[in-house]
Protein backbone atom coordinates (compact mmCIF):
# COMPACT_ATOMS: atom_id res chain seq x y z
CA MET A 1 5.39 13.28 14.79
CA ARG A 2 2.63 12.35 17.22
CA LYS A 3 2.74 8.95 18.80
CA LEU A 4 0.17 6.38 17.77
CA PRO A 5 -2.21 5.04 20.39
CA LEU A 6 -3.30 1.46 20.60
CA ILE A 7 -5.35 0.92 17.48
CA THR A 8 -9.04 0.27 17.66
CA ARG A 9 -11.18 -0.78 14.74
CA THR A 10 -13.53 1.75 13.20
CA LEU A 11 -16.25 0.90 10.73
CA PRO A 12 -17.81 3.87 8.95
CA LYS A 13 -21.22 3.14 7.52
CA ARG A 14 -21.07 1.79 4.00
CA ARG A 15 -23.06 3.52 1.29
CA LEU A 16 -26.18 1.58 0.45
CA SER A 17 -28.79 1.76 -2.24
CA LYS A 18 -31.47 4.42 -1.72
CA THR A 19 -33.97 1.55 -1.69
CA PRO A 20 -33.71 -0.46 1.54
CA ALA A 21 -32.08 -3.82 0.87
CA MET A 22 -34.32 -6.88 1.20
CA ARG A 23 -33.32 -9.57 3.65
CA THR A 24 -31.88 -12.56 1.84
CA ARG A 25 -31.88 -16.09 3.21
CA ILE A 26 -29.58 -18.64 1.55
CA ARG A 27 -30.95 -22.10 2.35
CA PHE A 28 -29.39 -25.56 2.47
CA GLY A 29 -26.04 -24.63 0.92
CA ARG A 30 -22.76 -26.20 2.00
CA LEU A 31 -21.16 -23.28 3.83
CA ILE A 32 -17.35 -23.40 3.72
CA ASP A 33 -15.63 -20.84 5.92
CA PRO A 34 -12.19 -21.80 7.29
CA ALA A 35 -12.13 -18.62 9.41
CA THR A 36 -14.96 -19.90 11.62
CA GLY A 37 -14.54 -23.61 11.05
CA ILE A 38 -17.85 -23.98 9.22
CA ASP A 39 -18.03 -26.74 6.62
CA GLY A 40 -21.51 -28.14 6.34
CA VAL A 41 -25.08 -27.52 5.29
CA ALA A 42 -26.50 -24.41 6.95
CA ASP A 43 -28.72 -21.41 6.32
CA LEU A 44 -27.28 -17.92 6.06
CA LEU A 45 -29.34 -14.77 6.57
CA ILE A 46 -28.37 -11.36 5.19
CA ASP A 47 -29.97 -8.13 6.37
CA GLY A 48 -28.85 -4.93 4.68
CA ASP A 49 -25.15 -5.24 3.94
CA ARG A 50 -24.34 -7.63 6.81
CA ILE A 51 -24.56 -11.31 7.63
CA VAL A 52 -26.88 -11.49 10.63
CA GLU A 53 -27.51 -15.19 11.23
CA ILE A 54 -26.03 -18.63 10.57
CA ASP A 55 -28.30 -21.59 11.25
CA ARG A 56 -26.22 -24.77 11.30
CA ALA A 57 -29.26 -27.00 11.76
CA PRO A 58 -31.82 -25.68 9.28
CA ASP A 59 -35.28 -27.18 9.48
CA PRO A 60 -36.42 -28.27 6.00
CA ILE A 61 -40.06 -28.09 7.06
CA SER A 62 -40.17 -24.47 8.20
CA ILE A 63 -39.23 -22.81 4.90
CA PRO A 64 -40.15 -19.12 4.97
CA ASN A 65 -42.51 -18.13 2.17
CA SER A 66 -41.10 -15.09 0.44
CA LYS A 67 -44.62 -14.05 -0.60
CA HIS A 68 -45.58 -13.49 3.02
CA CYS A 69 -42.44 -11.93 4.48
CA ASP A 70 -39.70 -9.52 3.53
CA GLU A 71 -37.14 -12.27 2.85
CA ARG A 72 -35.83 -13.30 -0.53
CA ILE A 73 -35.12 -17.06 -0.52
CA ILE A 74 -32.19 -18.54 -2.42
CA ASP A 75 -32.32 -22.33 -2.57
CA ALA A 76 -28.65 -23.36 -2.44
CA SER A 77 -29.26 -27.10 -2.31
CA GLY A 78 -26.36 -28.83 -4.06
CA CYS A 79 -24.34 -25.62 -3.92
CA VAL A 80 -21.22 -24.41 -2.12
CA VAL A 81 -21.42 -21.07 -0.30
CA MET A 82 -18.24 -19.08 0.36
CA ALA A 83 -17.32 -15.53 1.25
CA GLY A 84 -16.36 -13.20 -1.59
CA ALA A 85 -12.82 -13.89 -2.82
CA ILE A 86 -9.88 -11.53 -2.23
CA ASP A 87 -7.00 -10.94 -4.65
CA LEU A 88 -4.07 -9.53 -2.69
CA HIS A 89 -1.84 -8.78 -5.71
CA THR A 90 -3.25 -7.56 -9.02
CA HIS A 91 -2.16 -4.62 -11.17
CA ILE A 92 -5.40 -2.72 -11.76
CA GLY A 93 -4.52 0.96 -11.39
CA GLY A 94 -1.90 3.65 -11.74
CA GLY A 95 0.45 5.02 -14.36
CA LYS A 96 1.94 1.70 -15.44
CA VAL A 97 -1.46 0.35 -16.50
CA SER A 98 -2.20 3.53 -18.47
CA ILE A 99 1.23 3.39 -20.14
CA ALA A 100 0.62 -0.24 -21.11
CA ARG A 101 -2.72 0.65 -22.68
CA MET A 102 -1.10 3.45 -24.70
CA LEU A 103 1.78 1.22 -25.82
CA LEU A 104 -0.57 -1.56 -26.90
CA SER A 105 -3.43 0.53 -28.26
CA ASP A 106 -3.07 -1.06 -31.71
CA GLU A 107 -3.28 -4.58 -30.26
CA ILE A 108 -6.30 -3.64 -28.15
CA ALA A 109 -8.03 -2.19 -31.23
CA SER A 110 -7.17 -5.31 -33.26
CA HIS A 111 -8.63 -7.51 -30.54
CA ALA A 112 -11.90 -5.56 -30.68
CA ALA A 113 -11.96 -5.72 -34.48
CA ALA A 114 -11.34 -9.48 -34.48
CA ALA A 115 -14.26 -9.89 -32.09
CA ASN A 116 -16.35 -7.66 -34.39
CA SER A 117 -17.30 -5.52 -31.42
CA LEU A 118 -16.06 -2.13 -30.25
CA ALA A 119 -17.03 -3.24 -26.75
CA ALA A 120 -14.73 -6.28 -26.87
CA GLU A 121 -11.93 -6.04 -24.35
CA CYS A 122 -8.38 -7.29 -24.31
CA GLU A 123 -8.28 -9.90 -21.52
CA TYR A 124 -4.79 -8.95 -20.35
CA LEU A 125 -5.46 -5.17 -20.34
CA PRO A 126 -9.15 -4.72 -19.57
CA ALA A 127 -10.57 -1.28 -18.83
CA ALA A 128 -11.40 -0.58 -15.19
CA ASP A 129 -15.12 -1.29 -15.54
CA VAL A 130 -14.38 -4.56 -17.36
CA THR A 131 -11.90 -5.51 -14.63
CA ALA A 132 -14.72 -5.11 -12.11
CA ARG A 133 -17.04 -7.27 -14.20
CA ARG A 134 -14.41 -10.00 -14.62
CA TYR A 135 -13.80 -10.13 -10.88
CA LEU A 136 -17.48 -10.19 -9.95
CA ASP A 137 -18.14 -12.84 -12.60
CA MET A 138 -15.76 -15.14 -10.67
CA GLY A 139 -16.98 -14.21 -7.19
CA TYR A 140 -14.15 -11.81 -6.26
CA THR A 141 -15.27 -8.80 -4.25
CA THR A 142 -11.99 -7.23 -2.99
CA CYS A 143 -8.64 -6.73 -4.73
CA PHE A 144 -5.40 -4.86 -4.08
CA GLU A 145 -3.06 -2.89 -6.34
CA PRO A 146 0.42 -3.79 -5.05
CA ALA A 147 2.52 -0.90 -6.39
CA VAL A 148 1.24 2.59 -5.53
CA ILE A 149 4.08 5.03 -6.19
CA PRO A 150 3.56 7.98 -3.81
CA CYS A 151 3.78 10.70 -6.45
CA ASN A 152 1.37 8.72 -8.63
CA ALA A 153 -1.04 7.66 -5.89
CA ARG A 154 -3.86 9.95 -7.01
CA SER A 155 -3.84 8.38 -10.45
CA ALA A 156 -3.80 4.87 -8.97
CA HIS A 157 -6.76 5.58 -6.69
CA ALA A 158 -8.70 7.30 -9.48
CA GLU A 159 -8.26 4.22 -11.67
CA MET A 160 -9.27 1.88 -8.83
CA ALA A 161 -12.33 4.02 -8.10
CA ASP A 162 -13.55 3.05 -11.58
CA VAL A 163 -13.40 -0.64 -10.65
CA VAL A 164 -16.96 -0.16 -9.45
CA GLY A 165 -18.56 -2.83 -7.30
CA VAL A 166 -15.26 -4.26 -6.04
CA ASP A 167 -13.51 -2.90 -2.94
CA THR A 168 -9.87 -2.00 -3.52
CA GLY A 169 -6.72 -0.96 -1.70
CA GLY A 170 -3.09 -0.19 -2.45
CA TYR A 171 0.41 -0.90 -1.18
CA CYS A 172 2.71 2.12 -0.87
CA LEU A 173 5.91 1.56 -2.86
CA LEU A 174 9.06 2.41 -0.87
CA GLY A 175 12.64 1.18 -0.77
CA ASN A 176 14.01 2.96 -3.84
CA ASP A 177 13.07 6.50 -2.83
CA ASP A 178 16.03 8.73 -1.99
CA VAL A 179 14.57 9.84 1.33
CA LEU A 180 14.49 6.32 2.77
CA LEU A 181 17.84 5.30 1.27
CA SER A 182 19.53 8.44 2.61
CA MET A 183 18.01 7.97 6.07
CA ILE A 184 19.37 4.42 6.23
CA ALA A 185 22.76 5.52 4.89
CA ASP A 186 23.01 8.33 7.46
CA GLY A 187 22.26 5.93 10.28
CA LEU A 188 19.10 7.68 11.45
CA PRO A 189 17.30 5.96 14.33
CA GLN A 190 14.66 3.38 13.49
CA PRO A 191 11.81 5.31 15.20
CA LEU A 192 12.36 8.26 12.85
CA ILE A 193 12.37 5.94 9.84
CA ASN A 194 9.19 4.35 11.19
CA ASP A 195 7.57 7.79 11.29
CA TYR A 196 8.51 8.39 7.65
CA VAL A 197 7.11 5.04 6.55
CA ALA A 198 3.89 5.61 8.51
CA TRP A 199 3.47 9.08 7.00
CA MET A 200 3.93 7.81 3.45
CA VAL A 201 1.40 5.00 3.96
CA ALA A 202 -1.12 7.44 5.45
CA ALA A 203 -0.46 10.12 2.80
CA THR A 204 -1.09 7.68 -0.06
CA GLN A 205 -4.22 6.15 1.54
CA SER A 206 -2.52 2.74 1.46
CA ILE A 207 -2.96 -0.41 3.52
CA ALA A 208 0.55 -1.90 3.30
CA VAL A 209 4.15 -1.34 2.15
CA LYS A 210 5.72 -2.87 -0.96
CA VAL A 211 9.38 -2.89 -1.99
CA VAL A 212 10.49 -3.83 -5.51
CA ASN A 213 14.09 -4.94 -6.14
CA PRO A 214 15.19 -3.17 -2.92
CA GLY A 215 17.59 -0.36 -3.78
CA GLY A 216 18.09 -1.84 -7.25
CA ILE A 217 15.75 0.47 -9.15
CA ASN A 218 17.58 3.45 -7.66
CA ALA A 219 20.97 1.87 -8.43
CA PHE A 220 19.85 1.32 -12.05
CA LYS A 221 19.81 5.12 -12.44
CA PHE A 222 23.55 5.06 -11.68
CA ASN A 223 24.12 2.61 -14.57
CA VAL A 224 24.12 -0.47 -12.34
CA ARG A 225 22.68 -3.42 -14.27
CA THR A 226 22.93 -6.29 -11.74
CA PHE A 227 22.21 -5.93 -8.05
CA ASP A 228 22.08 -8.71 -5.46
CA VAL A 229 21.01 -8.72 -1.81
CA ASP A 230 24.55 -8.00 -0.59
CA SER A 231 25.49 -5.53 -3.38
CA ARG A 232 26.43 -2.06 -2.21
CA HIS A 233 24.61 0.94 -3.65
CA PRO A 234 27.00 3.20 -5.65
CA LYS A 235 25.76 6.38 -3.94
CA TYR A 236 24.41 5.37 -0.54
CA ASP A 237 26.78 2.47 0.23
CA ILE A 238 23.98 0.34 1.69
CA THR A 239 22.70 -3.05 0.55
CA PRO A 240 19.26 -4.40 -0.37
CA GLY A 241 19.56 -6.46 2.81
CA ASP A 242 19.75 -3.22 4.80
CA VAL A 243 16.61 -1.92 3.07
CA ILE A 244 14.67 -5.15 3.71
CA ARG A 245 15.73 -5.30 7.36
CA THR A 246 14.81 -1.66 7.98
CA LEU A 247 11.44 -1.82 6.22
CA CYS A 248 10.47 -5.12 7.87
CA ARG A 249 11.08 -3.49 11.24
CA ALA A 250 9.21 -0.33 10.27
CA VAL A 251 6.15 -2.22 9.01
CA HIS A 252 6.10 -4.39 12.12
CA GLU A 253 6.66 -1.57 14.59
CA ILE A 254 4.12 0.89 13.18
CA GLY A 255 1.56 -1.91 13.42
CA LEU A 256 0.58 -2.67 9.84
CA ALA A 257 -1.22 -6.00 9.61
CA HIS A 258 0.30 -7.03 6.29
CA PRO A 259 4.03 -7.90 6.38
CA LEU A 260 6.47 -6.13 4.11
CA HIS A 261 5.44 -7.15 0.58
CA VAL A 262 8.71 -7.94 -1.24
CA HIS A 263 9.48 -8.26 -4.95
CA CYS A 264 12.92 -9.86 -4.53
CA SER A 265 16.17 -9.05 -6.29
CA ASN A 266 17.04 -10.76 -9.60
CA LEU A 267 13.55 -11.40 -10.90
CA GLY A 268 13.56 -14.09 -13.58
CA VAL A 269 17.31 -14.75 -13.41
CA PRO A 270 18.45 -18.41 -13.26
CA GLY A 271 20.04 -19.04 -9.87
CA ASN A 272 17.98 -16.36 -8.16
CA ILE A 273 16.85 -18.76 -5.43
CA GLU A 274 19.98 -17.70 -3.54
CA SER A 275 18.78 -14.08 -3.57
CA THR A 276 15.35 -15.20 -2.39
CA LEU A 277 16.81 -17.16 0.53
CA ALA A 278 19.04 -14.19 1.40
CA THR A 279 15.96 -11.96 1.41
CA ILE A 280 14.32 -14.28 3.94
CA ARG A 281 17.40 -14.13 6.14
CA ALA A 282 17.49 -10.33 5.91
CA ALA A 283 14.05 -10.14 7.57
CA ASP A 284 15.67 -11.31 10.83
CA GLY A 285 12.66 -13.42 11.71
CA LEU A 286 10.12 -10.62 11.28
CA PRO A 287 7.04 -11.27 9.11
CA ILE A 288 7.78 -10.99 5.40
CA HIS A 289 5.68 -11.73 2.31
CA LEU A 290 7.41 -12.73 -0.93
CA THR A 291 5.33 -11.81 -3.92
CA HIS A 292 5.11 -13.62 -7.29
CA ALA A 293 7.57 -16.14 -5.81
CA GLN A 294 7.56 -18.30 -8.94
CA PHE A 295 9.69 -15.65 -10.69
CA HIS A 296 12.24 -15.83 -7.86
CA CYS A 297 12.49 -19.60 -7.56
CA TYR A 298 15.03 -20.68 -10.17
CA ALA A 299 18.21 -22.72 -9.82
CA ALA A 300 20.83 -22.80 -12.58
CA ASP A 301 21.26 -26.54 -13.06
CA GLY A 302 20.70 -28.83 -16.05
CA PRO A 303 21.43 -28.55 -19.76
CA TYR A 304 19.46 -25.31 -20.05
CA LYS A 305 21.21 -23.77 -17.01
CA MET A 306 17.79 -23.20 -15.47
CA SER A 307 15.88 -25.51 -13.15
CA SER A 308 13.23 -25.52 -10.46
CA ALA A 309 14.14 -24.43 -6.93
CA ALA A 310 10.60 -24.81 -5.60
CA ALA A 311 11.69 -27.48 -3.11
CA GLN A 312 14.35 -25.16 -1.69
CA LEU A 313 11.87 -22.36 -1.08
CA VAL A 314 9.36 -24.78 0.47
CA GLU A 315 12.08 -26.10 2.80
CA ALA A 316 13.02 -22.54 3.77
CA MET A 317 9.38 -21.76 4.58
CA GLN A 318 9.23 -24.81 6.83
CA THR A 319 12.10 -23.44 8.92
CA HIS A 320 10.94 -19.80 8.69
CA PRO A 321 7.31 -19.57 9.82
CA ASN A 322 7.49 -15.78 9.37
CA VAL A 323 7.35 -16.19 5.56
CA THR A 324 4.28 -16.21 3.32
CA ILE A 325 4.16 -16.07 -0.48
CA ASP A 326 1.88 -15.53 -3.40
CA VAL A 327 2.81 -17.47 -6.51
CA GLY A 328 2.48 -15.33 -9.63
CA GLN A 329 1.49 -18.35 -11.72
CA VAL A 330 2.40 -18.33 -15.42
CA MET A 331 -0.34 -19.43 -17.82
CA PHE A 332 0.17 -19.83 -21.54
CA GLY A 333 -0.85 -17.14 -24.01
CA GLN A 334 -0.46 -13.44 -24.73
CA THR A 335 -0.11 -10.92 -21.93
CA VAL A 336 1.90 -7.86 -20.98
CA THR A 337 4.42 -7.48 -18.17
CA ILE A 338 4.22 -4.23 -16.19
CA SER A 339 6.59 -3.63 -13.31
CA ALA A 340 8.37 -0.97 -11.30
CA ASP A 341 11.49 -3.13 -11.66
CA SER A 342 13.04 -1.08 -14.45
CA MET A 343 16.37 -2.89 -14.02
CA HIS A 344 14.94 -6.24 -15.07
CA GLN A 345 12.41 -4.89 -17.53
CA HIS A 346 15.39 -3.28 -19.28
CA GLU A 347 17.00 -6.72 -19.37
CA ASN A 348 13.84 -8.34 -20.73
CA PHE A 349 12.80 -5.87 -23.43
CA ARG A 350 14.56 -7.91 -26.13
CA PHE A 351 12.00 -10.67 -25.50
CA ALA A 352 9.05 -8.36 -26.17
CA ASP A 353 6.23 -9.84 -28.24
CA PRO A 354 5.13 -7.75 -30.12
CA LYS A 355 8.48 -5.99 -30.49
CA LYS A 356 7.93 -2.79 -28.56
CA SER A 357 8.39 -1.72 -24.97
CA VAL A 358 8.72 1.35 -22.76
CA LEU A 359 10.88 2.20 -19.75
CA VAL A 360 10.05 5.20 -17.57
CA ASP A 361 11.60 6.86 -14.53
CA VAL A 362 9.07 8.15 -12.00
CA GLU A 363 10.23 11.16 -9.95
CA CYS A 364 13.24 9.21 -8.64
CA GLU A 365 10.85 7.19 -6.45
CA ALA A 366 10.76 4.10 -8.65
CA GLY A 367 10.61 3.05 -12.28
CA CYS A 368 8.16 1.55 -14.73
CA GLY A 369 8.80 -0.99 -17.46
CA VAL A 370 6.15 -2.29 -19.86
CA VAL A 371 7.06 -5.29 -22.02
CA PRO A 372 4.38 -7.26 -23.93
CA PHE A 373 4.99 -10.99 -23.73
CA ARG A 374 3.65 -14.32 -24.96
CA TYR A 375 4.15 -17.47 -22.87
CA ARG A 376 4.48 -20.44 -25.21
CA ARG A 377 3.54 -23.98 -24.21
CA ARG A 378 6.37 -25.64 -26.15
CA GLN A 379 9.12 -23.27 -25.00
CA PHE A 380 11.35 -24.74 -22.26
CA VAL A 381 11.63 -21.70 -19.99
CA HIS A 382 7.94 -20.83 -20.18
CA SER A 383 6.91 -24.44 -19.54
CA LEU A 384 9.27 -24.66 -16.58
CA GLN A 385 7.85 -21.42 -15.13
CA TRP A 386 4.35 -22.89 -15.42
CA ALA A 387 5.47 -26.07 -13.64
CA ILE A 388 7.37 -24.24 -10.86
CA GLY A 389 4.31 -22.23 -9.93
CA LEU A 390 2.20 -25.37 -9.59
CA GLU A 391 4.97 -27.05 -7.60
CA LEU A 392 4.89 -24.21 -5.07
CA PHE A 393 1.11 -24.38 -4.72
CA LEU A 394 1.15 -28.14 -4.22
CA MET A 395 4.29 -28.54 -2.09
CA ILE A 396 3.34 -25.91 0.51
CA GLU A 397 1.02 -27.89 2.74
CA ASP A 398 -0.57 -24.94 4.55
CA PRO A 399 -2.91 -23.07 2.15
CA SER A 400 -2.93 -20.09 4.52
CA ARG A 401 0.71 -19.35 3.61
CA VAL A 402 0.43 -19.46 -0.20
CA PHE A 403 -1.94 -17.20 -2.14
CA LEU A 404 -3.48 -17.58 -5.57
CA THR A 405 -2.16 -14.91 -7.94
CA THR A 406 -0.91 -14.66 -11.50
CA ASP A 407 0.56 -11.22 -10.77
CA HIS A 408 -2.10 -10.01 -13.24
CA PRO A 409 -1.25 -9.38 -16.01
CA ASN A 410 2.43 -10.34 -15.68
CA GLY A 411 2.06 -14.11 -15.41
CA ALA A 412 -1.41 -14.26 -16.93
CA PRO A 413 -4.70 -12.34 -16.99
CA LEU A 414 -6.95 -12.56 -13.95
CA SER A 415 -9.54 -14.35 -16.09
CA THR A 416 -7.37 -17.51 -15.96
CA TYR A 417 -8.06 -18.04 -12.22
CA PRO A 418 -10.79 -20.70 -12.66
CA HIS A 419 -8.52 -22.81 -14.86
CA LEU A 420 -5.68 -22.43 -12.36
CA ILE A 421 -7.97 -23.56 -9.52
CA ALA A 422 -8.94 -26.56 -11.64
CA LEU A 423 -5.28 -27.51 -12.18
CA LEU A 424 -4.74 -27.48 -8.41
CA SER A 425 -7.91 -29.46 -7.70
CA ASP A 426 -7.79 -32.12 -10.42
CA ARG A 427 -4.69 -34.28 -10.75
CA SER A 428 -5.83 -35.87 -14.02
CA LEU A 429 -6.33 -32.45 -15.63
CA ARG A 430 -2.88 -31.42 -14.38
CA GLU A 431 -1.23 -34.53 -15.80
CA THR A 432 -2.93 -33.98 -19.17
CA ALA A 433 -1.62 -30.42 -19.21
CA LEU A 434 1.86 -31.61 -18.18
CA ALA A 435 1.95 -33.95 -21.18
CA GLU A 436 1.31 -30.98 -23.50
CA ILE A 437 4.18 -28.73 -22.39
CA ASN A 438 7.83 -28.81 -23.47
CA ALA A 439 9.03 -32.38 -22.92
CA ASP A 440 12.35 -31.39 -21.31
CA ALA A 441 10.59 -29.06 -18.88
CA ALA A 442 8.05 -31.75 -18.02
CA ALA A 443 10.81 -34.31 -17.44
CA SER A 444 12.69 -31.98 -15.07
CA SER A 445 9.58 -31.09 -13.07
CA GLU A 446 8.42 -32.83 -9.90
CA LEU A 447 4.77 -32.29 -10.85
CA LYS A 448 4.24 -35.77 -12.19
CA GLY A 449 4.88 -37.30 -8.79
CA ILE A 450 2.64 -34.94 -6.83
CA THR A 451 -0.72 -36.53 -6.06
CA ARG A 452 -2.18 -33.74 -3.93
CA GLU A 453 -5.47 -32.19 -5.01
CA TYR A 454 -6.78 -29.00 -3.43
CA SER A 455 -10.04 -29.44 -1.55
CA LEU A 456 -12.80 -26.84 -1.53
CA PRO A 457 -11.79 -25.77 2.02
CA ASP A 458 -8.20 -25.37 0.76
CA ILE A 459 -9.45 -23.10 -2.02
CA ALA A 460 -11.58 -21.10 0.44
CA THR A 461 -8.56 -20.66 2.71
CA MET A 462 -6.20 -19.57 -0.06
CA THR A 463 -8.62 -17.14 -1.72
CA ARG A 464 -10.76 -15.94 1.20
CA SER A 465 -9.87 -16.40 4.85
CA ALA A 466 -6.06 -16.26 4.57
CA PRO A 467 -5.86 -13.09 2.41
CA ALA A 468 -8.30 -11.38 4.77
CA ALA A 469 -6.27 -12.42 7.81
CA ILE A 470 -2.89 -11.33 6.44
CA LEU A 471 -4.34 -7.93 5.50
CA GLY A 472 -6.12 -7.42 8.83
CA LEU A 473 -9.59 -7.50 7.25
CA SER A 474 -11.71 -9.09 9.95
CA ASP A 475 -15.06 -8.14 8.39
CA ARG A 476 -14.64 -9.89 5.02
CA GLY A 477 -13.24 -13.12 3.65
CA ASN A 478 -15.44 -14.99 6.12
CA LEU A 479 -19.09 -15.84 6.81
CA SER A 480 -19.18 -14.61 10.41
CA VAL A 481 -22.23 -12.87 11.84
CA GLY A 482 -21.55 -9.15 11.55
CA SER A 483 -19.26 -9.43 8.52
CA ILE A 484 -19.96 -7.65 5.26
CA ALA A 485 -22.37 -9.69 3.15
CA ASP A 486 -20.02 -10.50 0.30
CA VAL A 487 -21.24 -14.03 -0.41
CA VAL A 488 -20.85 -16.35 -3.41
CA VAL A 489 -22.99 -19.38 -4.24
CA TYR A 490 -21.33 -21.92 -6.55
CA GLN A 491 -23.22 -24.82 -8.10
CA GLN A 492 -21.19 -27.86 -7.08
CA ASP A 493 -19.71 -29.41 -10.22
CA LYS A 494 -17.09 -32.04 -11.00
CA ASN A 495 -15.82 -29.57 -13.58
CA ILE A 496 -14.03 -27.23 -11.15
CA GLU A 497 -13.16 -24.69 -13.83
CA ARG A 498 -16.80 -24.33 -14.81
CA MET A 499 -17.85 -24.17 -11.16
CA PHE A 500 -15.54 -21.25 -10.35
CA SER A 501 -16.05 -19.50 -13.71
CA THR A 502 -19.79 -18.99 -13.32
CA PRO A 503 -21.16 -18.69 -9.79
CA LYS A 504 -24.89 -19.22 -9.45
CA PHE A 505 -25.16 -16.08 -7.30
CA VAL A 506 -22.77 -13.32 -6.28
CA ILE A 507 -23.96 -11.09 -3.45
CA ARG A 508 -22.09 -7.86 -2.93
CA SER A 509 -22.76 -5.91 0.28
CA GLY A 510 -26.13 -7.65 0.53
CA GLN A 511 -27.15 -6.99 -3.10
CA ILE A 512 -27.41 -9.73 -5.72
CA VAL A 513 -25.10 -8.64 -8.55
CA ARG A 514 -24.86 -11.98 -10.39
CA GLY A 515 -27.61 -14.57 -10.79
CA ALA A 516 -31.40 -14.46 -10.87
CA GLY A 517 -32.69 -11.11 -9.69
CA ALA A 518 -29.32 -9.43 -10.12
CA ALA A 519 -29.07 -5.66 -10.35
CA ALA A 520 -26.15 -3.35 -10.91
CA SER A 521 -24.40 -2.72 -7.60
CA SER A 522 -25.22 0.68 -6.13
CA THR A 523 -22.44 0.42 -3.56
CA ARG A 524 -19.86 3.10 -4.19
CA SER A 525 -16.22 2.09 -4.54
CA THR A 526 -14.46 1.68 -1.20
CA THR A 527 -10.74 2.07 -0.53
CA LEU A 528 -9.37 -0.01 2.33
CA LYS A 529 -6.54 1.77 4.13
CA ALA A 530 -4.39 1.38 7.24
CA ASN A 531 -5.44 3.10 10.43
CA LEU A 532 -2.44 5.34 11.20
CA ASP A 533 -2.51 8.53 13.24
CA CYS A 534 -0.53 10.85 10.95
CA GLN A 535 -1.24 14.40 9.77
CA ARG A 536 -0.23 16.25 6.60
CA ASP A 537 2.07 18.68 8.42
CA ASP A 538 3.98 15.85 10.08
CA ALA A 539 6.04 15.82 6.86
CA ASP A 540 8.05 18.85 8.01
CA VAL A 541 10.81 16.72 9.54
CA PHE A 542 11.40 14.91 6.20
CA ALA A 543 10.67 17.79 3.80
CA ASP A 544 14.26 18.90 3.19
CA ARG A 545 15.37 15.39 2.25
CA TYR A 546 12.40 15.00 -0.08
CA HIS A 547 12.91 18.37 -1.76
CA ALA A 548 16.56 17.56 -2.51
CA THR A 549 15.50 15.03 -5.15
CA SER A 550 11.86 15.84 -5.96
CA THR A 551 10.13 18.41 -8.15
CA MET A 552 7.16 18.87 -5.83
CA ASP A 553 6.45 19.74 -2.23
CA MET A 554 6.25 16.62 -0.08
CA ARG A 555 2.95 17.77 1.40
CA ARG A 556 1.39 17.51 -2.07
CA LEU A 557 1.59 13.75 -1.71
CA TRP A 558 -1.07 13.88 1.01
CA ILE A 559 -4.49 12.65 -0.10
CA SER A 560 -7.17 13.55 2.43
CA ASP A 561 -10.32 11.56 3.13
CA ASP A 562 -12.30 14.47 1.73
CA GLU A 563 -10.34 14.35 -1.54
CA MET A 564 -10.83 10.59 -1.78
CA GLU A 565 -14.57 10.98 -1.19
CA ASN A 566 -15.41 14.05 -3.26
CA VAL A 567 -12.73 14.26 -5.96
CA ILE A 568 -11.39 10.76 -6.60
CA GLY A 569 -14.75 9.15 -5.88
CA SER A 570 -13.98 6.37 -3.43
CA SER A 571 -15.03 6.08 0.21
CA PRO A 572 -11.97 5.47 2.44
CA VAL A 573 -12.47 2.87 5.17
CA THR A 574 -9.83 2.26 7.85
CA THR A 575 -9.01 -1.36 8.58
CA LEU A 576 -7.78 -3.25 11.59
CA THR A 577 -4.07 -2.82 12.33
CA LYS A 578 -1.98 -4.23 15.12
CA ALA A 579 -1.07 -2.13 18.12
CA ARG A 580 2.04 -0.06 17.56
CA ILE A 581 5.11 -1.33 19.39
CA GLN A 582 6.30 1.44 21.67
């Protein structure tokens, strides 16, 4: 496999409307951009699809008259201006979403009938176009599907291409595929494993690598039903710790910006904090991102044999600066859980509400479990999960190391984000909500004693600048001159939920898509992918291993830029990666 050079950043031209975009000047808004240190009243000028000027000392006298120049003026007095938000973990595409829609077709139809509208959508399983609308309605302009199974990558990208108006990307799912497990078991050198990982990321047009229950999904197929970080695989005689250590090195050494994205062992199991801490240790100090950490943050104390371990994870993060998390916040109400973690979805199917579920094997690469679920406010476990998520958000002092997610739709639908932001920003609202949950869960939670309230810069960090930085996206998530003009104007409001539910303006690639003068976005869907120098035929060295357990030729996994552009319907854009370690 050819060696990778030092990576440089390339920016293909983005597709614009056939009509030249008007210059837009946003005046007198409070610009909040942690990436550049801006927090104050300033003017922002957009030309085409880029930010071209920031005036930190706007002159109120010299207001351009839009009747006499080619500038559209947006008066943002009394408003907050931020970059478009980024969701780094949301299930919006691929086979599991389609399977969930088929399983719950009756519930989706009933929802539409109850709303007396065929166009009504189920909040926890919206169609792709509705997903795009929901995100834009809240000021989100980029989101990432965190579980792209290689043999299902075309389906995932095709689904994401229908999320029109929002840029997307995917994380390649590895760590339960027989090729990787056999390479680790056979003691192959790390550089060869690195080449395999790089090829799979490039082949699937992905931006990062995800591992779910490392080795455990594969072990489940050998009738293993519990699998911890030090458990030995029945066939390959390696442990999840070996998989984590190897993939952390591979991701770091091939130069991906985003650390290994880890769904830890023992999801949802009381006492699983020990597995989570062991996962951190297995990274050997290399960058690692723990996803939906709330589901992996349980001790086994108390009368219910389940308690919060949020403080233990926070303490571990203080001594391990290589660790970041997203929360996977639980919110109350009906949803559906969809996960590649077939081992734990098999364990959870008895809790399905309504009483139906599906478990699927996917070409020996991973699994898929779909279990509908209702989180109930008065139920102890559900209330405790809600409280643990908020504890993590509020105990981790650095908002650049904790990211706002509900693991849509697993913990809650994406449409609950404004209410979640309000809970973090308003202590009185949080205490009112705490009084309404299960009393035993409330009594065992540390929430009541936490006085912290998120500031608007904290929110901007957690939902904009930090996700962009951890994904290597230097041209979004900020308000820098030269960045893509994804800009949101919020009317400042004491009611934080209302403020973040209905932005006054959403500007997408320089076009107003929400607010006065809005038009449907004419920007084609864009897929953000890693910049890796791999070719389709580089698979030859791994082909025999792949063919031993697969029903297709390994080269069929390769999705070219031309296929993305002309068949799937999304323009691939390479992103900034780190230099490869030689």
